[in-house]
Amino acid sequence: MSPRESPATAHELARVELLAGLPGELLTRLAARMRREGVAPGQAVVLEGEPGERFYVVLSGVLAVSQTSLGPRRLLRAGDSFGEVALALSIPRTASVRALVPSALASCDRAAFDEFVRPLLADDGEAHSSE
């Protein structure tokens, strides 16, 4: 299995603020269900208005978040996450995310999000990042 196809590690996910509160066993189970992918500079990961099907964490690199009506919003770096708004609220993506430099992400599908991440949002009462 190439590094690109390997799942994320619990150690990598523990650096993500939103996921840091998960007990080790749950973090390991979530990591096994997260797909690692490389993103080239300029490549869009999600586009505003599209259906949200995956939750993402940034393992390395820098990505830009933008909204059509508001323009550039913020930068995402290692340890940041995005995509939870569309999944948690069952709405289209609220922003676009594009890589500025070669980046590595890990993502999971809606089922893994619902099992592992959604309970963290309910406990916290707010989302930590933009789409």
N, C-alpha and C. Protein backbone atom coordinates (compact mmCIF):
# COMPACT_ATOMS: atom_id res chain seq x y z
N MET A 1 0.86 -1.19 0.00
CA MET A 1 0.00 0.00 0.00
C MET A 1 0.90 1.24 0.00
N SER A 2 0.65 2.15 -0.92
CA SER A 2 1.47 3.36 -0.99
C SER A 2 1.08 4.31 0.14
N PRO A 3 1.99 5.21 0.53
CA PRO A 3 1.66 6.18 1.58
C PRO A 3 0.41 6.98 1.24
N ARG A 4 0.20 7.25 -0.04
CA ARG A 4 -0.97 8.03 -0.44
C ARG A 4 -2.27 7.28 -0.12
N GLU A 5 -2.24 5.94 -0.21
CA GLU A 5 -3.45 5.15 0.01
C GLU A 5 -3.60 4.70 1.45
N SER A 6 -2.57 4.89 2.26
CA SER A 6 -2.64 4.42 3.63
C SER A 6 -3.59 5.27 4.44
N PRO A 7 -4.21 4.69 5.47
CA PRO A 7 -5.11 5.48 6.31
C PRO A 7 -4.31 6.48 7.14
N ALA A 8 -4.99 7.43 7.70
CA ALA A 8 -4.35 8.37 8.63
C ALA A 8 -3.97 7.61 9.89
N THR A 9 -3.10 8.21 10.69
CA THR A 9 -2.73 7.58 11.96
C THR A 9 -3.41 8.31 13.12
N ALA A 10 -3.58 7.60 14.22
CA ALA A 10 -4.16 8.22 15.41
C ALA A 10 -3.31 9.39 15.87
N HIS A 11 -1.97 9.26 15.73
CA HIS A 11 -1.07 10.35 16.12
C HIS A 11 -1.35 11.61 15.30
N GLU A 12 -1.56 11.45 13.99
CA GLU A 12 -1.87 12.61 13.14
C GLU A 12 -3.19 13.24 13.54
N LEU A 13 -4.20 12.42 13.80
CA LEU A 13 -5.51 12.95 14.15
C LEU A 13 -5.52 13.61 15.53
N ALA A 14 -4.68 13.16 16.43
CA ALA A 14 -4.62 13.74 17.78
C ALA A 14 -4.18 15.21 17.73
N ARG A 15 -3.52 15.62 16.64
CA ARG A 15 -3.08 17.01 16.49
C ARG A 15 -4.21 17.93 16.02
N VAL A 16 -5.35 17.37 15.67
CA VAL A 16 -6.49 18.15 15.17
C VAL A 16 -7.32 18.58 16.38
N GLU A 17 -7.46 19.89 16.55
CA GLU A 17 -8.15 20.43 17.73
C GLU A 17 -9.51 19.78 17.97
N LEU A 18 -10.31 19.67 16.94
CA LEU A 18 -11.64 19.11 17.07
C LEU A 18 -11.62 17.66 17.56
N LEU A 19 -10.61 16.89 17.14
CA LEU A 19 -10.56 15.46 17.45
C LEU A 19 -9.73 15.13 18.68
N ALA A 20 -8.99 16.10 19.21
CA ALA A 20 -8.06 15.85 20.31
C ALA A 20 -8.73 15.27 21.55
N GLY A 21 -10.02 15.51 21.72
CA GLY A 21 -10.72 15.01 22.90
C GLY A 21 -11.18 13.57 22.80
N LEU A 22 -11.01 12.95 21.64
CA LEU A 22 -11.42 11.55 21.49
C LEU A 22 -10.47 10.64 22.26
N PRO A 23 -11.00 9.66 22.99
CA PRO A 23 -10.12 8.67 23.64
C PRO A 23 -9.30 7.92 22.59
N GLY A 24 -8.12 7.44 22.99
CA GLY A 24 -7.19 6.79 22.07
C GLY A 24 -7.80 5.69 21.22
N GLU A 25 -8.63 4.85 21.82
CA GLU A 25 -9.23 3.74 21.07
C GLU A 25 -10.14 4.26 19.96
N LEU A 26 -10.94 5.29 20.25
CA LEU A 26 -11.82 5.86 19.22
C LEU A 26 -11.02 6.57 18.15
N LEU A 27 -9.95 7.25 18.54
CA LEU A 27 -9.09 7.92 17.58
C LEU A 27 -8.46 6.91 16.62
N THR A 28 -8.05 5.78 17.15
CA THR A 28 -7.46 4.72 16.32
C THR A 28 -8.50 4.16 15.35
N ARG A 29 -9.73 3.96 15.83
CA ARG A 29 -10.79 3.44 14.96
C ARG A 29 -11.15 4.45 13.87
N LEU A 30 -11.21 5.73 14.23
CA LEU A 30 -11.49 6.76 13.23
C LEU A 30 -10.36 6.82 12.20
N ALA A 31 -9.13 6.79 12.68
CA ALA A 31 -7.97 6.86 11.77
C ALA A 31 -8.02 5.75 10.73
N ALA A 32 -8.42 4.56 11.14
CA ALA A 32 -8.49 3.43 10.21
C ALA A 32 -9.52 3.66 9.11
N ARG A 33 -10.49 4.53 9.35
CA ARG A 33 -11.55 4.79 8.37
C ARG A 33 -11.31 6.07 7.57
N MET A 34 -10.19 6.73 7.81
CA MET A 34 -9.89 7.97 7.09
C MET A 34 -8.92 7.69 5.94
N ARG A 35 -9.25 8.22 4.78
CA ARG A 35 -8.46 8.05 3.57
C ARG A 35 -7.50 9.23 3.42
N ARG A 36 -6.23 8.93 3.19
CA ARG A 36 -5.20 9.96 2.98
C ARG A 36 -5.16 10.31 1.49
N GLU A 37 -4.99 11.60 1.20
CA GLU A 37 -4.86 12.00 -0.20
C GLU A 37 -3.97 13.22 -0.33
N GLY A 38 -3.24 13.27 -1.42
CA GLY A 38 -2.43 14.43 -1.73
C GLY A 38 -3.23 15.40 -2.58
N VAL A 39 -2.96 16.69 -2.41
CA VAL A 39 -3.65 17.72 -3.17
C VAL A 39 -2.60 18.65 -3.77
N ALA A 40 -2.68 18.85 -5.08
CA ALA A 40 -1.73 19.71 -5.78
C ALA A 40 -2.09 21.18 -5.61
N PRO A 41 -1.11 22.07 -5.70
CA PRO A 41 -1.40 23.51 -5.62
C PRO A 41 -2.45 23.90 -6.65
N GLY A 42 -3.41 24.69 -6.21
CA GLY A 42 -4.48 25.14 -7.09
C GLY A 42 -5.67 24.20 -7.16
N GLN A 43 -5.50 22.97 -6.69
CA GLN A 43 -6.58 21.99 -6.77
C GLN A 43 -7.66 22.29 -5.72
N ALA A 44 -8.93 22.26 -6.14
CA ALA A 44 -10.05 22.44 -5.22
C ALA A 44 -10.35 21.11 -4.52
N VAL A 45 -10.54 21.17 -3.22
CA VAL A 45 -10.93 19.98 -2.45
C VAL A 45 -12.44 19.91 -2.36
N VAL A 46 -13.06 21.04 -2.02
CA VAL A 46 -14.52 21.15 -2.02
C VAL A 46 -14.89 22.47 -2.67
N LEU A 47 -16.08 22.51 -3.26
CA LEU A 47 -16.57 23.72 -3.91
C LEU A 47 -17.88 24.14 -3.26
N GLU A 48 -17.98 25.43 -3.00
CA GLU A 48 -19.19 26.00 -2.41
C GLU A 48 -20.40 25.59 -3.23
N GLY A 49 -21.45 25.16 -2.54
CA GLY A 49 -22.69 24.78 -3.20
C GLY A 49 -22.81 23.30 -3.52
N GLU A 50 -21.70 22.57 -3.53
CA GLU A 50 -21.75 21.13 -3.79
C GLU A 50 -22.25 20.39 -2.56
N PRO A 51 -22.79 19.18 -2.76
CA PRO A 51 -23.19 18.38 -1.60
C PRO A 51 -21.95 18.00 -0.77
N GLY A 52 -22.12 17.95 0.52
CA GLY A 52 -21.02 17.56 1.40
C GLY A 52 -21.08 16.08 1.71
N GLU A 53 -20.05 15.35 1.31
CA GLU A 53 -20.03 13.91 1.53
C GLU A 53 -18.88 13.45 2.41
N ARG A 54 -17.87 14.33 2.65
CA ARG A 54 -16.69 13.92 3.42
C ARG A 54 -16.29 15.01 4.40
N PHE A 55 -15.65 14.59 5.49
CA PHE A 55 -15.05 15.46 6.49
C PHE A 55 -13.54 15.37 6.32
N TYR A 56 -12.83 16.48 6.40
CA TYR A 56 -11.40 16.53 6.11
C TYR A 56 -10.58 17.06 7.28
N VAL A 57 -9.37 16.55 7.41
CA VAL A 57 -8.37 17.13 8.30
C VAL A 57 -7.13 17.40 7.47
N VAL A 58 -6.45 18.50 7.80
CA VAL A 58 -5.23 18.89 7.09
C VAL A 58 -4.05 18.24 7.81
N LEU A 59 -3.31 17.40 7.10
CA LEU A 59 -2.12 16.75 7.65
C LEU A 59 -0.88 17.59 7.40
N SER A 60 -0.82 18.24 6.22
CA SER A 60 0.29 19.13 5.89
C SER A 60 -0.14 20.06 4.77
N GLY A 61 0.58 21.15 4.63
CA GLY A 61 0.28 22.09 3.56
C GLY A 61 -0.52 23.29 4.05
N VAL A 62 -0.98 24.08 3.08
CA VAL A 62 -1.79 25.27 3.35
C VAL A 62 -2.91 25.31 2.32
N LEU A 63 -4.13 25.52 2.80
CA LEU A 63 -5.29 25.60 1.92
C LEU A 63 -6.04 26.90 2.21
N ALA A 64 -6.65 27.46 1.17
CA ALA A 64 -7.41 28.70 1.30
C ALA A 64 -8.90 28.41 1.29
N VAL A 65 -9.61 29.04 2.20
CA VAL A 65 -11.06 28.95 2.27
C VAL A 65 -11.63 30.25 1.70
N SER A 66 -12.59 30.12 0.77
CA SER A 66 -13.21 31.32 0.21
C SER A 66 -14.71 31.10 0.03
N GLN A 67 -15.43 32.21 0.01
CA GLN A 67 -16.87 32.18 -0.25
C GLN A 67 -17.16 33.16 -1.37
N THR A 68 -18.07 32.80 -2.24
CA THR A 68 -18.39 33.63 -3.40
C THR A 68 -18.78 35.04 -2.97
N SER A 69 -19.62 35.15 -1.97
CA SER A 69 -20.12 36.47 -1.58
C SER A 69 -19.13 37.27 -0.73
N LEU A 70 -18.18 36.60 -0.07
CA LEU A 70 -17.30 37.28 0.87
C LEU A 70 -15.83 37.24 0.48
N GLY A 71 -15.47 36.46 -0.53
CA GLY A 71 -14.08 36.35 -0.95
C GLY A 71 -13.27 35.48 -0.01
N PRO A 72 -11.94 35.70 0.04
CA PRO A 72 -11.08 34.88 0.90
C PRO A 72 -11.50 34.99 2.37
N ARG A 73 -11.53 33.85 3.07
CA ARG A 73 -11.98 33.84 4.46
C ARG A 73 -10.86 33.52 5.44
N ARG A 74 -10.09 32.48 5.17
CA ARG A 74 -9.02 32.10 6.10
C ARG A 74 -8.12 31.07 5.45
N LEU A 75 -7.02 30.78 6.13
CA LEU A 75 -6.11 29.73 5.69
C LEU A 75 -6.20 28.55 6.65
N LEU A 76 -6.09 27.35 6.09
CA LEU A 76 -6.08 26.13 6.89
C LEU A 76 -4.69 25.52 6.82
N ARG A 77 -4.20 25.05 7.96
CA ARG A 77 -2.88 24.43 8.06
C ARG A 77 -3.00 23.10 8.80
N ALA A 78 -1.88 22.40 8.92
CA ALA A 78 -1.86 21.12 9.63
C ALA A 78 -2.54 21.26 10.98
N GLY A 79 -3.44 20.33 11.27
CA GLY A 79 -4.19 20.35 12.53
C GLY A 79 -5.57 20.96 12.40
N ASP A 80 -5.85 21.63 11.27
CA ASP A 80 -7.18 22.19 11.04
C ASP A 80 -8.09 21.14 10.40
N SER A 81 -9.38 21.37 10.50
CA SER A 81 -10.35 20.47 9.88
C SER A 81 -11.39 21.31 9.14
N PHE A 82 -12.08 20.68 8.20
CA PHE A 82 -13.15 21.36 7.48
C PHE A 82 -14.12 20.33 6.91
N GLY A 83 -15.29 20.82 6.55
CA GLY A 83 -16.30 19.96 5.96
C GLY A 83 -17.39 19.55 6.92
N GLU A 84 -17.24 19.87 8.20
CA GLU A 84 -18.22 19.42 9.18
C GLU A 84 -19.55 20.15 9.08
N VAL A 85 -19.55 21.39 8.59
CA VAL A 85 -20.80 22.16 8.55
C VAL A 85 -21.81 21.49 7.61
N ALA A 86 -21.38 21.16 6.40
CA ALA A 86 -22.29 20.53 5.42
C ALA A 86 -22.80 19.19 5.93
N LEU A 87 -21.92 18.41 6.56
CA LEU A 87 -22.33 17.09 7.06
C LEU A 87 -23.24 17.22 8.28
N ALA A 88 -22.88 18.08 9.22
CA ALA A 88 -23.65 18.20 10.45
C ALA A 88 -25.04 18.77 10.20
N LEU A 89 -25.15 19.70 9.25
CA LEU A 89 -26.42 20.37 9.00
C LEU A 89 -27.14 19.85 7.76
N SER A 90 -26.53 18.91 7.05
CA SER A 90 -27.10 18.37 5.80
C SER A 90 -27.46 19.49 4.83
N ILE A 91 -26.47 20.37 4.61
CA ILE A 91 -26.62 21.48 3.66
C ILE A 91 -25.47 21.42 2.66
N PRO A 92 -25.60 22.14 1.53
CA PRO A 92 -24.47 22.19 0.59
C PRO A 92 -23.26 22.85 1.23
N ARG A 93 -22.10 22.63 0.64
CA ARG A 93 -20.86 23.24 1.13
C ARG A 93 -21.04 24.75 1.23
N THR A 94 -20.60 25.32 2.34
CA THR A 94 -20.76 26.76 2.58
C THR A 94 -19.58 27.57 2.07
N ALA A 95 -18.52 26.91 1.63
CA ALA A 95 -17.32 27.59 1.13
C ALA A 95 -16.55 26.65 0.23
N SER A 96 -15.61 27.22 -0.50
CA SER A 96 -14.68 26.43 -1.32
C SER A 96 -13.35 26.36 -0.59
N VAL A 97 -12.65 25.23 -0.75
CA VAL A 97 -11.32 25.06 -0.16
C VAL A 97 -10.39 24.60 -1.27
N ARG A 98 -9.27 25.33 -1.43
CA ARG A 98 -8.31 25.08 -2.50
C ARG A 98 -6.90 25.07 -1.92
N ALA A 99 -6.08 24.12 -2.37
CA ALA A 99 -4.70 24.03 -1.89
C ALA A 99 -3.87 25.16 -2.48
N LEU A 100 -3.02 25.77 -1.64
CA LEU A 100 -2.10 26.81 -2.10
C LEU A 100 -0.71 26.24 -2.38
N VAL A 101 -0.37 25.16 -1.68
CA VAL A 101 0.91 24.46 -1.83
C VAL A 101 0.60 22.97 -1.81
N PRO A 102 1.56 22.11 -2.19
CA PRO A 102 1.28 20.68 -2.08
C PRO A 102 0.83 20.36 -0.65
N SER A 103 -0.29 19.67 -0.54
CA SER A 103 -0.89 19.41 0.77
C SER A 103 -1.30 17.96 0.90
N ALA A 104 -1.43 17.52 2.14
CA ALA A 104 -1.92 16.16 2.42
C ALA A 104 -3.12 16.28 3.35
N LEU A 105 -4.17 15.55 3.01
CA LEU A 105 -5.40 15.55 3.78
C LEU A 105 -5.76 14.12 4.17
N ALA A 106 -6.58 14.00 5.18
CA ALA A 106 -7.24 12.73 5.49
C ALA A 106 -8.72 13.04 5.56
N SER A 107 -9.54 12.15 5.04
CA SER A 107 -10.97 12.40 5.04
C SER A 107 -11.74 11.12 5.36
N CYS A 108 -12.94 11.33 5.86
CA CYS A 108 -13.81 10.19 6.13
C CYS A 108 -15.19 10.46 5.55
N ASP A 109 -15.94 9.39 5.35
CA ASP A 109 -17.28 9.51 4.80
C ASP A 109 -18.29 9.90 5.89
N ARG A 110 -19.53 10.09 5.47
CA ARG A 110 -20.58 10.54 6.39
C ARG A 110 -20.80 9.55 7.53
N ALA A 111 -20.73 8.25 7.27
CA ALA A 111 -20.97 7.25 8.33
C ALA A 111 -19.93 7.38 9.43
N ALA A 112 -18.65 7.51 9.07
CA ALA A 112 -17.60 7.66 10.07
C ALA A 112 -17.75 9.01 10.78
N PHE A 113 -18.09 10.05 10.03
CA PHE A 113 -18.32 11.37 10.63
C PHE A 113 -19.42 11.28 11.69
N ASP A 114 -20.55 10.66 11.31
CA ASP A 114 -21.67 10.55 12.24
C ASP A 114 -21.30 9.78 13.50
N GLU A 115 -20.50 8.73 13.34
CA GLU A 115 -20.12 7.89 14.48
C GLU A 115 -19.11 8.57 15.40
N PHE A 116 -18.10 9.22 14.84
CA PHE A 116 -16.99 9.72 15.65
C PHE A 116 -16.97 11.24 15.86
N VAL A 117 -17.30 12.02 14.83
CA VAL A 117 -17.12 13.47 14.90
C VAL A 117 -18.37 14.20 15.34
N ARG A 118 -19.53 13.81 14.83
CA ARG A 118 -20.78 14.51 15.18
C ARG A 118 -20.98 14.62 16.69
N PRO A 119 -20.71 13.56 17.48
CA PRO A 119 -20.88 13.71 18.94
C PRO A 119 -19.99 14.79 19.54
N LEU A 120 -18.83 15.04 18.95
CA LEU A 120 -17.94 16.09 19.44
C LEU A 120 -18.56 17.47 19.20
N LEU A 121 -19.24 17.63 18.08
CA LEU A 121 -19.88 18.90 17.76
C LEU A 121 -21.05 19.15 18.70
N ALA A 122 -21.78 18.11 19.05
CA ALA A 122 -22.92 18.25 19.96
C ALA A 122 -22.42 18.66 21.34
N ASP A 123 -21.29 18.10 21.77
CA ASP A 123 -20.73 18.44 23.08
C ASP A 123 -20.25 19.89 23.10
N ASP A 124 -19.67 20.33 21.98
CA ASP A 124 -19.04 21.64 21.93
C ASP A 124 -20.04 22.76 21.62
N GLY A 125 -21.07 22.40 20.85
CA GLY A 125 -22.08 23.39 20.53
C GLY A 125 -21.74 24.29 19.35
N GLU A 126 -20.58 24.11 18.74
CA GLU A 126 -20.23 24.92 17.59
C GLU A 126 -19.25 24.19 16.69
N ALA A 127 -19.22 24.60 15.44
CA ALA A 127 -18.25 24.05 14.51
C ALA A 127 -16.96 24.86 14.63
N HIS A 128 -15.82 24.21 14.40
CA HIS A 128 -14.53 24.86 14.58
C HIS A 128 -13.98 25.49 13.32
N SER A 129 -14.51 25.15 12.17
CA SER A 129 -13.91 25.69 10.96
C SER A 129 -14.96 25.91 9.89
N SER A 130 -14.52 26.49 8.81
CA SER A 130 -15.38 26.67 7.65
C SER A 130 -15.29 25.45 6.77
N GLU A 131 -16.16 25.38 5.80
CA GLU A 131 -16.10 24.30 4.82
C GLU A 131 -14.80 24.46 4.11
